[in-house]
C-alpha cells in the first residue's frame, strides 16, 4: 500500500511539474473565439513589421530580401502571394533576428482572417 501511495504521489508531482506557462501566449485568441476586431494594419501589424522586418525589408530591401514590407499593400501582398505567414511560423524569418512571438504570429493570422483591415 505504501508503494502505491508513493507511486501515486510521484506521478502527481511529475504531472504538476511538467505544466508550464509561456507569457508570450497569455493573450492569444483561442481558436474557437471570433477574431479580435481591433487588429488592424495601423494598430497592430505595422509595428510588428517595423520592429522585426523592415531592417531588411524596408523601402529599399537589403541583405537579399526579395521585397519590401513597409506598407499595408506590400505586407498584404506578401501574405497572400509569398507565404509570409509560413516563413514567420517556421522561423525562417526574421532571418537574423528573434523569432516572432506566438501572439505576434496570431495577430498577423487574425488580421488576415478579418480581411486585412487597414
Protein backbone atom coordinates (compact mmCIF):
# COMPACT_ATOMS: atom_id res chain seq x y z
CA UNK A 1 0.00 0.00 0.00
CA UNK A 2 2.87 2.37 0.82
CA UNK A 3 4.41 1.70 -2.60
CA UNK A 4 1.14 2.51 -4.32
CA UNK A 5 0.81 5.76 -2.37
CA UNK A 6 4.42 6.72 -3.12
CA UNK A 7 3.96 5.94 -6.82
CA UNK A 8 0.76 7.96 -6.90
CA UNK A 9 2.49 10.96 -5.28
CA UNK A 10 5.40 10.70 -7.73
CA UNK A 11 3.12 10.80 -10.77
CA UNK A 12 1.11 13.68 -9.31
CA UNK A 13 4.28 15.70 -8.82
CA UNK A 14 5.54 14.77 -12.30
CA UNK A 15 2.32 15.95 -13.93
CA UNK A 16 2.27 19.15 -11.88
CA UNK A 17 5.94 19.92 -12.63
CA UNK A 18 5.53 19.39 -16.37
CA UNK A 19 2.88 22.11 -16.65
CA UNK A 20 4.26 25.48 -17.67
CA UNK A 21 3.12 28.83 -18.87
CA UNK A 22 4.64 30.93 -21.63
CA UNK A 23 3.98 34.63 -21.11
CA UNK A 24 4.02 35.18 -24.89
CA UNK A 25 0.91 33.02 -25.12
CA UNK A 26 -1.09 34.77 -22.41
CA UNK A 27 -3.08 36.98 -24.76
CA UNK A 28 -3.56 34.62 -27.70
CA UNK A 29 -7.05 34.48 -29.11
CA UNK A 30 -8.38 30.95 -28.58
CA UNK A 31 -9.17 29.29 -31.92
CA UNK A 32 -12.88 28.87 -31.14
CA UNK A 33 -13.42 32.56 -30.38
CA UNK A 34 -14.15 35.11 -33.10
CA UNK A 35 -11.08 37.08 -34.25
CA UNK A 36 -10.34 40.33 -32.43
CA UNK A 37 -11.83 43.23 -34.37
CA UNK A 38 -9.28 45.76 -33.16
CA UNK A 39 -6.36 44.18 -35.03
CA UNK A 40 -5.67 46.41 -37.99
CA UNK A 41 -2.60 47.23 -40.03
CA UNK A 42 -2.33 50.64 -38.36
CA UNK A 43 -2.99 49.48 -34.78
CA UNK A 44 -1.04 46.23 -34.74
CA UNK A 45 0.64 44.91 -37.88
CA UNK A 46 2.73 47.93 -38.91
CA UNK A 47 4.55 47.96 -35.56
CA UNK A 48 5.25 44.21 -35.77
CA UNK A 49 6.74 44.72 -39.23
CA UNK A 50 8.76 47.81 -38.34
CA UNK A 51 10.17 46.22 -35.16
CA UNK A 52 11.05 42.88 -36.75
CA UNK A 53 11.17 43.04 -40.54
CA UNK A 54 11.96 46.41 -42.07
CA UNK A 55 15.65 46.37 -41.18
CA UNK A 56 15.95 44.10 -44.25
CA UNK A 57 12.51 44.50 -45.85
CA UNK A 58 12.50 48.32 -45.87
CA UNK A 59 11.52 50.68 -48.67
CA UNK A 60 14.70 49.54 -50.39
CA UNK A 61 15.22 45.91 -49.36
CA UNK A 62 18.71 44.91 -48.16
CA UNK A 63 20.51 41.66 -47.25
CA UNK A 64 18.96 39.86 -50.25
CA UNK A 65 15.41 40.48 -49.03
CA UNK A 66 13.15 39.92 -52.06
CA UNK A 67 10.53 42.52 -51.22
CA UNK A 68 9.62 45.46 -49.04
CA UNK A 69 7.33 45.04 -46.02
CA UNK A 70 6.92 48.68 -45.07
CA UNK A 71 3.38 49.42 -46.32
CA UNK A 72 -0.08 47.96 -45.97
CA UNK A 73 -0.09 46.85 -49.62
CA UNK A 74 3.31 45.13 -49.53
CA UNK A 75 2.58 43.21 -46.31
CA UNK A 76 -0.85 42.12 -47.52
CA UNK A 77 0.66 41.01 -50.84
CA UNK A 78 3.44 39.07 -49.09
CA UNK A 79 0.86 37.18 -47.03
CA UNK A 80 -1.39 36.45 -49.99
CA UNK A 81 1.24 35.69 -52.61
CA UNK A 82 4.59 34.94 -50.99
CA UNK A 83 3.82 32.73 -47.97
CA UNK A 84 4.89 35.30 -45.39
CA UNK A 85 2.99 33.68 -42.51
CA UNK A 86 4.60 30.31 -43.24
CA UNK A 87 8.05 31.94 -43.34
CA UNK A 88 7.40 33.52 -39.94
CA UNK A 89 5.89 30.38 -38.37
CA UNK A 90 8.71 28.12 -39.47
CA UNK A 91 11.28 30.51 -38.02
CA UNK A 92 12.82 31.33 -41.41
CA UNK A 93 12.02 34.99 -40.78
CA UNK A 94 13.24 37.22 -39.38
CA UNK A 95 16.47 35.78 -40.71
CA UNK A 96 18.91 37.46 -38.33
CA UNK A 97 16.57 38.34 -35.51
CA UNK A 98 14.44 36.88 -32.80
CA UNK A 99 11.51 34.71 -33.83
CA UNK A 100 8.18 36.50 -33.59
CA UNK A 101 6.17 35.68 -30.50
CA UNK A 102 3.18 33.39 -30.66
CA UNK A 103 0.98 36.43 -30.01
CA UNK A 104 2.52 38.42 -32.87
CA UNK A 105 2.03 35.49 -35.25
CA UNK A 106 -1.56 35.04 -34.08
CA UNK A 107 -2.21 38.76 -34.58
CA UNK A 108 -0.99 38.53 -38.18
CA UNK A 109 -3.22 35.49 -38.78
CA UNK A 110 -6.18 37.26 -37.19
CA UNK A 111 -5.55 40.30 -39.37
CA UNK A 112 -5.64 38.02 -42.42
CA UNK A 113 -8.78 36.20 -41.19
CA UNK A 114 -10.51 39.57 -40.68
CA UNK A 115 -9.88 40.54 -44.30
CA UNK A 116 -6.79 42.74 -43.77
CA UNK A 117 -8.42 45.81 -42.17
CA UNK A 118 -6.37 48.97 -42.51
